[in-house]
Amino acid sequence: MKKVQVIVPWEEGLHMRPASRLVRCASVCRSSIRIMAHGKVADARSILGILLLCASVGTLLDVEVSGEDEVSAMSAVEKIFESSDDRV
């Protein structure tokens, strides 16, 4: 299992566009990806779960990736959060 903390960089918070990028990323990975914030846990394959985290700009998120491709999956998730550009 790999764990990392990321910060929400988008002014609008973790809204629909970056959430959909996360879901697309998770759907092609074999690993399980969980995102946690404010005591809530979301499966990265669930757009509703991600949106219900209510993560605003600057929110610290804990990400856990577990599975056979966890290294590449974690790298892909980190790349999403490294960009302040939320366009798809």
PDB file of N, CA and C in Angstrom:
ATOM      1  N   MET A   1       0.846  -1.176   0.000  1.00  0.00           N
ATOM      2  CA  MET A   1       0.000   0.000   0.000  1.00  0.00           C
ATOM      3  C   MET A   1       0.895   1.244   0.000  1.00  0.00           C
ATOM      4  N   LYS A   2       0.542   2.176  -0.852  1.00  0.00           N
ATOM      5  CA  LYS A   2       1.234   3.458  -0.942  1.00  0.00           C
ATOM      6  C   LYS A   2       0.319   4.534  -0.384  1.00  0.00           C
ATOM      7  N   LYS A   3       0.913   5.483   0.342  1.00  0.00           N
ATOM      8  CA  LYS A   3       0.145   6.596   0.899  1.00  0.00           C
ATOM      9  C   LYS A   3       0.854   7.902   0.571  1.00  0.00           C
ATOM     10  N   VAL A   4       0.066   8.919   0.315  1.00  0.00           N
ATOM     11  CA  VAL A   4       0.610  10.246   0.055  1.00  0.00           C
ATOM     12  C   VAL A   4      -0.432  11.281   0.482  1.00  0.00           C
ATOM     13  N   GLN A   5       0.045  12.467   0.793  1.00  0.00           N
ATOM     14  CA  GLN A   5      -0.860  13.580   1.065  1.00  0.00           C
ATOM     15  C   GLN A   5      -0.723  14.583  -0.069  1.00  0.00           C
ATOM     16  N   VAL A   6      -1.858  15.079  -0.532  1.00  0.00           N
ATOM     17  CA  VAL A   6      -1.874  16.083  -1.592  1.00  0.00           C
ATOM     18  C   VAL A   6      -2.748  17.243  -1.132  1.00  0.00           C
ATOM     19  N   ILE A   7      -2.516  18.391  -1.729  1.00  0.00           N
ATOM     20  CA  ILE A   7      -3.305  19.587  -1.409  1.00  0.00           C
ATOM     21  C   ILE A   7      -4.129  19.971  -2.624  1.00  0.00           C
ATOM     22  N   VAL A   8      -5.391  20.298  -2.401  1.00  0.00           N
ATOM     23  CA  VAL A   8      -6.281  20.711  -3.489  1.00  0.00           C
ATOM     24  C   VAL A   8      -5.806  22.067  -4.014  1.00  0.00           C
ATOM     25  N   PRO A   9      -5.362  22.133  -5.291  1.00  0.00           N
ATOM     26  CA  PRO A   9      -4.805  23.383  -5.815  1.00  0.00           C
ATOM     27  C   PRO A   9      -5.801  24.289  -6.537  1.00  0.00           C
ATOM     28  N   TRP A  10      -7.003  23.803  -6.770  1.00  0.00           N
ATOM     29  CA  TRP A  10      -7.940  24.534  -7.624  1.00  0.00           C
ATOM     30  C   TRP A  10      -8.769  25.534  -6.824  1.00  0.00           C
ATOM     31  N   GLU A  11      -8.896  26.743  -7.327  1.00  0.00           N
ATOM     32  CA  GLU A  11      -9.647  27.798  -6.646  1.00  0.00           C
ATOM     33  C   GLU A  11     -11.080  27.375  -6.315  1.00  0.00           C
ATOM     34  N   GLU A  12     -11.685  26.603  -7.188  1.00  0.00           N
ATOM     35  CA  GLU A  12     -13.066  26.157  -6.979  1.00  0.00           C
ATOM     36  C   GLU A  12     -13.124  24.913  -6.111  1.00  0.00           C
ATOM     37  N   GLY A  13     -11.971  24.430  -5.634  1.00  0.00           N
ATOM     38  CA  GLY A  13     -11.927  23.210  -4.838  1.00  0.00           C
ATOM     39  C   GLY A  13     -11.963  21.982  -5.734  1.00  0.00           C
ATOM     40  N   LEU A  14     -12.178  20.847  -5.124  1.00  0.00           N
ATOM     41  CA  LEU A  14     -12.240  19.586  -5.872  1.00  0.00           C
ATOM     42  C   LEU A  14     -13.645  19.447  -6.450  1.00  0.00           C
ATOM     43  N   HIS A  15     -13.848  20.089  -7.597  1.00  0.00           N
ATOM     44  CA  HIS A  15     -15.169  20.132  -8.222  1.00  0.00           C
ATOM     45  C   HIS A  15     -15.251  19.118  -9.367  1.00  0.00           C
ATOM     46  N   MET A  16     -16.265  19.234 -10.187  1.00  0.00           N
ATOM     47  CA  MET A  16     -16.603  18.215 -11.182  1.00  0.00           C
ATOM     48  C   MET A  16     -15.465  17.885 -12.161  1.00  0.00           C
ATOM     49  N   ARG A  17     -14.800  18.875 -12.718  1.00  0.00           N
ATOM     50  CA  ARG A  17     -13.773  18.584 -13.721  1.00  0.00           C
ATOM     51  C   ARG A  17     -12.589  17.793 -13.157  1.00  0.00           C
ATOM     52  N   PRO A  18     -11.950  18.250 -12.085  1.00  0.00           N
ATOM     53  CA  PRO A  18     -10.849  17.436 -11.562  1.00  0.00           C
ATOM     54  C   PRO A  18     -11.337  16.108 -10.977  1.00  0.00           C
ATOM     55  N   ALA A  19     -12.547  16.085 -10.432  1.00  0.00           N
ATOM     56  CA  ALA A  19     -13.094  14.828  -9.916  1.00  0.00           C
ATOM     57  C   ALA A  19     -13.269  13.825 -11.050  1.00  0.00           C
ATOM     58  N   SER A  20     -13.721  14.291 -12.206  1.00  0.00           N
ATOM     59  CA  SER A  20     -13.886  13.378 -13.343  1.00  0.00           C
ATOM     60  C   SER A  20     -12.534  12.876 -13.851  1.00  0.00           C
ATOM     61  N   ARG A  21     -11.498  13.711 -13.750  1.00  0.00           N
ATOM     62  CA  ARG A  21     -10.148  13.263 -14.109  1.00  0.00           C
ATOM     63  C   ARG A  21      -9.698  12.145 -13.170  1.00  0.00           C
ATOM     64  N   LEU A  22      -9.996  12.291 -11.878  1.00  0.00           N
ATOM     65  CA  LEU A  22      -9.644  11.255 -10.911  1.00  0.00           C
ATOM     66  C   LEU A  22     -10.375   9.949 -11.199  1.00  0.00           C
ATOM     67  N   VAL A  23     -11.659  10.050 -11.510  1.00  0.00           N
ATOM     68  CA  VAL A  23     -12.447   8.852 -11.809  1.00  0.00           C
ATOM     69  C   VAL A  23     -11.908   8.148 -13.054  1.00  0.00           C
ATOM     70  N   ARG A  24     -11.589   8.915 -14.093  1.00  0.00           N
ATOM     71  CA  ARG A  24     -11.025   8.304 -15.305  1.00  0.00           C
ATOM     72  C   ARG A  24      -9.699   7.624 -15.007  1.00  0.00           C
ATOM     73  N   CYS A  25      -8.882   8.281 -14.220  1.00  0.00           N
ATOM     74  CA  CYS A  25      -7.583   7.719 -13.824  1.00  0.00           C
ATOM     75  C   CYS A  25      -7.796   6.413 -13.058  1.00  0.00           C
ATOM     76  N   ALA A  26      -8.668   6.427 -12.059  1.00  0.00           N
ATOM     77  CA  ALA A  26      -8.916   5.246 -11.232  1.00  0.00           C
ATOM     78  C   ALA A  26      -9.538   4.106 -12.025  1.00  0.00           C
ATOM     79  N   SER A  27     -10.339   4.446 -13.025  1.00  0.00           N
ATOM     80  CA  SER A  27     -11.029   3.394 -13.777  1.00  0.00           C
ATOM     81  C   SER A  27     -10.092   2.592 -14.675  1.00  0.00           C
ATOM     82  N   VAL A  28      -8.935   3.138 -15.012  1.00  0.00           N
ATOM     83  CA  VAL A  28      -7.979   2.388 -15.837  1.00  0.00           C
ATOM     84  C   VAL A  28      -6.917   1.690 -14.997  1.00  0.00           C
ATOM     85  N   CYS A  29      -6.893   1.955 -13.706  1.00  0.00           N
ATOM     86  CA  CYS A  29      -5.935   1.315 -12.804  1.00  0.00           C
ATOM     87  C   CYS A  29      -6.553   0.058 -12.211  1.00  0.00           C
ATOM     88  N   ARG A  30      -5.715  -0.921 -11.950  1.00  0.00           N
ATOM     89  CA  ARG A  30      -6.198  -2.140 -11.295  1.00  0.00           C
ATOM     90  C   ARG A  30      -6.229  -1.981  -9.779  1.00  0.00           C
ATOM     91  N   SER A  31      -5.469  -1.025  -9.282  1.00  0.00           N
ATOM     92  CA  SER A  31      -5.378  -0.799  -7.841  1.00  0.00           C
ATOM     93  C   SER A  31      -6.615  -0.096  -7.307  1.00  0.00           C
ATOM     94  N   SER A  32      -6.811  -0.246  -6.009  1.00  0.00           N
ATOM     95  CA  SER A  32      -7.873   0.467  -5.304  1.00  0.00           C
ATOM     96  C   SER A  32      -7.308   1.811  -4.853  1.00  0.00           C
ATOM     97  N   ILE A  33      -8.029   2.885  -5.116  1.00  0.00           N
ATOM     98  CA  ILE A  33      -7.585   4.227  -4.739  1.00  0.00           C
ATOM     99  C   ILE A  33      -8.645   4.831  -3.828  1.00  0.00           C
ATOM    100  N   ARG A  34      -8.206   5.210  -2.613  1.00  0.00           N
ATOM    101  CA  ARG A  34      -9.113   5.838  -1.643  1.00  0.00           C
ATOM    102  C   ARG A  34      -8.598   7.230  -1.334  1.00  0.00           C
ATOM    103  N   ILE A  35      -9.527   8.173  -1.243  1.00  0.00           N
ATOM    104  CA  ILE A  35      -9.194   9.561  -0.929  1.00  0.00           C
ATOM    105  C   ILE A  35      -9.950   9.945   0.339  1.00  0.00           C
ATOM    106  N   MET A  36      -9.222  10.534   1.293  1.00  0.00           N
ATOM    107  CA  MET A  36      -9.817  10.867   2.580  1.00  0.00           C
ATOM    108  C   MET A  36      -9.634  12.346   2.911  1.00  0.00           C
ATOM    109  N   ALA A  37     -10.699  12.940   3.453  1.00  0.00           N
ATOM    110  CA  ALA A  37     -10.668  14.337   3.908  1.00  0.00           C
ATOM    111  C   ALA A  37     -11.803  14.557   4.893  1.00  0.00           C
ATOM    112  N   HIS A  38     -11.544  15.348   5.915  1.00  0.00           N
ATOM    113  CA  HIS A  38     -12.575  15.724   6.891  1.00  0.00           C
ATOM    114  C   HIS A  38     -13.264  14.504   7.508  1.00  0.00           C
ATOM    115  N   GLY A  39     -12.526  13.418   7.690  1.00  0.00           N
ATOM    116  CA  GLY A  39     -13.113  12.214   8.271  1.00  0.00           C
ATOM    117  C   GLY A  39     -13.968  11.407   7.306  1.00  0.00           C
ATOM    118  N   LYS A  40     -14.001  11.800   6.045  1.00  0.00           N
ATOM    119  CA  LYS A  40     -14.779  11.086   5.030  1.00  0.00           C
ATOM    120  C   LYS A  40     -13.826  10.327   4.115  1.00  0.00           C
ATOM    121  N   VAL A  41     -14.300   9.213   3.575  1.00  0.00           N
ATOM    122  CA  VAL A  41     -13.496   8.389   2.668  1.00  0.00           C
ATOM    123  C   VAL A  41     -14.262   8.219   1.367  1.00  0.00           C
ATOM    124  N   ALA A  42     -13.539   8.382   0.248  1.00  0.00           N
ATOM    125  CA  ALA A  42     -14.166   8.217  -1.063  1.00  0.00           C
ATOM    126  C   ALA A  42     -13.355   7.241  -1.901  1.00  0.00           C
ATOM    127  N   ASP A  43     -14.054   6.383  -2.607  1.00  0.00           N
ATOM    128  CA  ASP A  43     -13.429   5.531  -3.612  1.00  0.00           C
ATOM    129  C   ASP A  43     -13.216   6.420  -4.836  1.00  0.00           C
ATOM    130  N   ALA A  44     -12.012   6.404  -5.387  1.00  0.00           N
ATOM    131  CA  ALA A  44     -11.707   7.284  -6.519  1.00  0.00           C
ATOM    132  C   ALA A  44     -12.471   6.906  -7.782  1.00  0.00           C
ATOM    133  N   ARG A  45     -13.154   5.782  -7.783  1.00  0.00           N
ATOM    134  CA  ARG A  45     -13.979   5.409  -8.935  1.00  0.00           C
ATOM    135  C   ARG A  45     -15.392   5.997  -8.840  1.00  0.00           C
ATOM    136  N   SER A  46     -15.668   6.690  -7.731  1.00  0.00           N
ATOM    137  CA  SER A  46     -17.004   7.251  -7.497  1.00  0.00           C
ATOM    138  C   SER A  46     -16.956   8.775  -7.540  1.00  0.00           C
ATOM    139  N   ILE A  47     -17.489   9.348  -8.591  1.00  0.00           N
ATOM    140  CA  ILE A  47     -17.476  10.807  -8.703  1.00  0.00           C
ATOM    141  C   ILE A  47     -18.295  11.443  -7.583  1.00  0.00           C
ATOM    142  N   LEU A  48     -19.400  10.829  -7.227  1.00  0.00           N
ATOM    143  CA  LEU A  48     -20.220  11.371  -6.148  1.00  0.00           C
ATOM    144  C   LEU A  48     -19.458  11.320  -4.828  1.00  0.00           C
ATOM    145  N   GLY A  49     -18.775  10.218  -4.575  1.00  0.00           N
ATOM    146  CA  GLY A  49     -17.979  10.111  -3.351  1.00  0.00           C
ATOM    147  C   GLY A  49     -16.913  11.187  -3.271  1.00  0.00           C
ATOM    148  N   ILE A  50     -16.247  11.447  -4.378  1.00  0.00           N
ATOM    149  CA  ILE A  50     -15.200  12.476  -4.414  1.00  0.00           C
ATOM    150  C   ILE A  50     -15.805  13.852  -4.156  1.00  0.00           C
ATOM    151  N   LEU A  51     -16.909  14.155  -4.810  1.00  0.00           N
ATOM    152  CA  LEU A  51     -17.546  15.465  -4.624  1.00  0.00           C
ATOM    153  C   LEU A  51     -18.056  15.653  -3.197  1.00  0.00           C
ATOM    154  N   LEU A  52     -18.501  14.567  -2.565  1.00  0.00           N
ATOM    155  CA  LEU A  52     -19.024  14.657  -1.202  1.00  0.00           C
ATOM    156  C   LEU A  52     -17.929  14.858  -0.161  1.00  0.00           C
ATOM    157  N   LEU A  53     -16.659  14.799  -0.566  1.00  0.00           N
ATOM    158  CA  LEU A  53     -15.572  15.134   0.350  1.00  0.00           C
ATOM    159  C   LEU A  53     -15.583  16.628   0.679  1.00  0.00           C
ATOM    160  N   CYS A  54     -16.219  17.425  -0.193  1.00  0.00           N
ATOM    161  CA  CYS A  54     -16.325  18.877  -0.010  1.00  0.00           C
ATOM    162  C   CYS A  54     -14.962  19.512   0.234  1.00  0.00           C
ATOM    163  N   ALA A  55     -13.995  19.142  -0.594  1.00  0.00           N
ATOM    164  CA  ALA A  55     -12.622  19.613  -0.430  1.00  0.00           C
ATOM    165  C   ALA A  55     -12.432  20.940  -1.151  1.00  0.00           C
ATOM    166  N   SER A  56     -12.220  21.990  -0.385  1.00  0.00           N
ATOM    167  CA  SER A  56     -11.999  23.312  -0.959  1.00  0.00           C
ATOM    168  C   SER A  56     -10.506  23.508  -1.227  1.00  0.00           C
ATOM    169  N   VAL A  57     -10.169  24.620  -1.874  1.00  0.00           N
ATOM    170  CA  VAL A  57      -8.772  24.918  -2.175  1.00  0.00           C
ATOM    171  C   VAL A  57      -7.961  24.904  -0.884  1.00  0.00           C
ATOM    172  N   GLY A  58      -6.804  24.266  -0.928  1.00  0.00           N
ATOM    173  CA  GLY A  58      -5.928  24.186   0.232  1.00  0.00           C
ATOM    174  C   GLY A  58      -6.192  23.015   1.156  1.00  0.00           C
ATOM    175  N   THR A  59      -7.251  22.251   0.895  1.00  0.00           N
ATOM    176  CA  THR A  59      -7.565  21.098   1.732  1.00  0.00           C
ATOM    177  C   THR A  59      -6.503  20.020   1.561  1.00  0.00           C
ATOM    178  N   LEU A  60      -6.057  19.454   2.667  1.00  0.00           N
ATOM    179  CA  LEU A  60      -5.094  18.361   2.649  1.00  0.00           C
ATOM    180  C   LEU A  60      -5.856  17.053   2.529  1.00  0.00           C
ATOM    181  N   LEU A  61      -5.545  16.280   1.491  1.00  0.00           N
ATOM    182  CA  LEU A  61      -6.193  15.000   1.259  1.00  0.00           C
ATOM    183  C   LEU A  61      -5.187  13.880   1.483  1.00  0.00           C
ATOM    184  N   ASP A  62      -5.631  12.805   2.105  1.00  0.00           N
ATOM    185  CA  ASP A  62      -4.827  11.593   2.235  1.00  0.00           C
ATOM    186  C   ASP A  62      -5.254  10.638   1.127  1.00  0.00           C
ATOM    187  N   VAL A  63      -4.284  10.133   0.387  1.00  0.00           N
ATOM    188  CA  VAL A  63      -4.570   9.209  -0.707  1.00  0.00           C
ATOM    189  C   VAL A  63      -3.886   7.887  -0.403  1.00  0.00           C
ATOM    190  N   GLU A  64      -4.640   6.798  -0.502  1.00  0.00           N
ATOM    191  CA  GLU A  64      -4.100   5.453  -0.324  1.00  0.00           C
ATOM    192  C   GLU A  64      -4.343   4.668  -1.604  1.00  0.00           C
ATOM    193  N   VAL A  65      -3.293   4.022  -2.084  1.00  0.00           N
ATOM    194  CA  VAL A  65      -3.396   3.196  -3.284  1.00  0.00           C
ATOM    195  C   VAL A  65      -2.881   1.810  -2.938  1.00  0.00           C
ATOM    196  N   SER A  66      -3.664   0.803  -3.260  1.00  0.00           N
ATOM    197  CA  SER A  66      -3.284  -0.568  -2.946  1.00  0.00           C
ATOM    198  C   SER A  66      -3.631  -1.474  -4.120  1.00  0.00           C
ATOM    199  N   GLY A  67      -2.640  -2.227  -4.589  1.00  0.00           N
ATOM    200  CA  GLY A  67      -2.892  -3.149  -5.682  1.00  0.00           C
ATOM    201  C   GLY A  67      -1.651  -3.382  -6.514  1.00  0.00           C
ATOM    202  N   GLU A  68      -1.826  -4.117  -7.587  1.00  0.00           N
ATOM    203  CA  GLU A  68      -0.672  -4.539  -8.384  1.00  0.00           C
ATOM    204  C   GLU A  68       0.001  -3.419  -9.164  1.00  0.00           C
ATOM    205  N   ASP A  69      -0.703  -2.358  -9.487  1.00  0.00           N
ATOM    206  CA  ASP A  69      -0.083  -1.242 -10.215  1.00  0.00           C
ATOM    207  C   ASP A  69      -0.071   0.032  -9.358  1.00  0.00           C
ATOM    208  N   GLU A  70       0.121  -0.139  -8.050  1.00  0.00           N
ATOM    209  CA  GLU A  70       0.000   0.989  -7.116  1.00  0.00           C
ATOM    210  C   GLU A  70       1.019   2.101  -7.367  1.00  0.00           C
ATOM    211  N   VAL A  71       2.211   1.763  -7.829  1.00  0.00           N
ATOM    212  CA  VAL A  71       3.228   2.796  -8.061  1.00  0.00           C
ATOM    213  C   VAL A  71       2.801   3.712  -9.210  1.00  0.00           C
ATOM    214  N   SER A  72       2.389   3.133 -10.318  1.00  0.00           N
ATOM    215  CA  SER A  72       1.965   3.961 -11.458  1.00  0.00           C
ATOM    216  C   SER A  72       0.642   4.668 -11.166  1.00  0.00           C
ATOM    217  N   ALA A  73      -0.244   4.019 -10.426  1.00  0.00           N
ATOM    218  CA  ALA A  73      -1.517   4.649 -10.068  1.00  0.00           C
ATOM    219  C   ALA A  73      -1.285   5.858  -9.163  1.00  0.00           C
ATOM    220  N   MET A  74      -0.399   5.725  -8.192  1.00  0.00           N
ATOM    221  CA  MET A  74      -0.105   6.838  -7.294  1.00  0.00           C
ATOM    222  C   MET A  74       0.517   7.996  -8.067  1.00  0.00           C
ATOM    223  N   SER A  75       1.417   7.680  -8.984  1.00  0.00           N
ATOM    224  CA  SER A  75       2.047   8.709  -9.803  1.00  0.00           C
ATOM    225  C   SER A  75       1.005   9.462 -10.622  1.00  0.00           C
ATOM    226  N   ALA A  76       0.055   8.751 -11.191  1.00  0.00           N
ATOM    227  CA  ALA A  76      -0.993   9.379 -12.000  1.00  0.00           C
ATOM    228  C   ALA A  76      -1.870  10.296 -11.151  1.00  0.00           C
ATOM    229  N   VAL A  77      -2.210   9.864  -9.948  1.00  0.00           N
ATOM    230  CA  VAL A  77      -3.028  10.692  -9.057  1.00  0.00           C
ATOM    231  C   VAL A  77      -2.264  11.949  -8.650  1.00  0.00           C
ATOM    232  N   GLU A  78      -1.002  11.797  -8.314  1.00  0.00           N
ATOM    233  CA  GLU A  78      -0.195  12.958  -7.916  1.00  0.00           C
ATOM    234  C   GLU A  78      -0.100  13.976  -9.044  1.00  0.00           C
ATOM    235  N   LYS A  79       0.013  13.511 -10.287  1.00  0.00           N
ATOM    236  CA  LYS A  79       0.084  14.430 -11.431  1.00  0.00           C
ATOM    237  C   LYS A  79      -1.181  15.263 -11.564  1.00  0.00           C
ATOM    238  N   ILE A  80      -2.311  14.666 -11.256  1.00  0.00           N
ATOM    239  CA  ILE A  80      -3.577  15.409 -11.328  1.00  0.00           C
ATOM    240  C   ILE A  80      -3.555  16.578 -10.345  1.00  0.00           C
ATOM    241  N   PHE A  81      -3.043  16.337  -9.141  1.00  0.00           N
ATOM    242  CA  PHE A  81      -3.028  17.377  -8.113  1.00  0.00           C
ATOM    243  C   PHE A  81      -1.882  18.359  -8.262  1.00  0.00           C
ATOM    244  N   GLU A  82      -0.883  18.034  -9.067  1.00  0.00           N
ATOM    245  CA  GLU A  82       0.243  18.955  -9.284  1.00  0.00           C
ATOM    246  C   GLU A  82      -0.128  20.105 -10.193  1.00  0.00           C
ATOM    247  N   SER A  83      -1.182  19.944 -10.957  1.00  0.00           N
ATOM    248  CA  SER A  83      -1.586  20.972 -11.910  1.00  0.00           C
ATOM    249  C   SER A  83      -2.701  21.833 -11.336  1.00  0.00           C
ATOM    250  N   SER A  84      -2.519  23.126 -11.410  1.00  0.00           N
ATOM    251  CA  SER A  84      -3.605  24.013 -10.977  1.00  0.00           C
ATOM    252  C   SER A  84      -4.602  24.231 -12.113  1.00  0.00           C
ATOM    253  N   ASP A  85      -4.315  23.653 -13.270  1.00  0.00           N
ATOM    254  CA  ASP A  85      -5.217  23.717 -14.420  1.00  0.00           C
ATOM    255  C   ASP A  85      -6.243  22.604 -14.266  1.00  0.00           C
ATOM    256  N   ASP A  86      -7.505  22.944 -14.085  1.00  0.00           N
ATOM    257  CA  ASP A  86      -8.523  21.917 -13.857  1.00  0.00           C
ATOM    258  C   ASP A  86      -9.240  21.496 -15.138  1.00  0.00           C
ATOM    259  N   ARG A  87      -8.778  21.985 -16.270  1.00  0.00           N
ATOM    260  CA  ARG A  87      -9.427  21.585 -17.518  1.00  0.00           C
ATOM    261  C   ARG A  87      -9.064  20.159 -17.862  1.00  0.00           C
ATOM    262  N   VAL A  88      -9.985  19.473 -18.510  1.00  0.00           N
ATOM    263  CA  VAL A  88      -9.788  18.066 -18.874  1.00  0.00           C
ATOM    264  C   VAL A  88      -8.869  17.954 -20.057  1.00  0.00           C
TER     265      VAL A  88
END
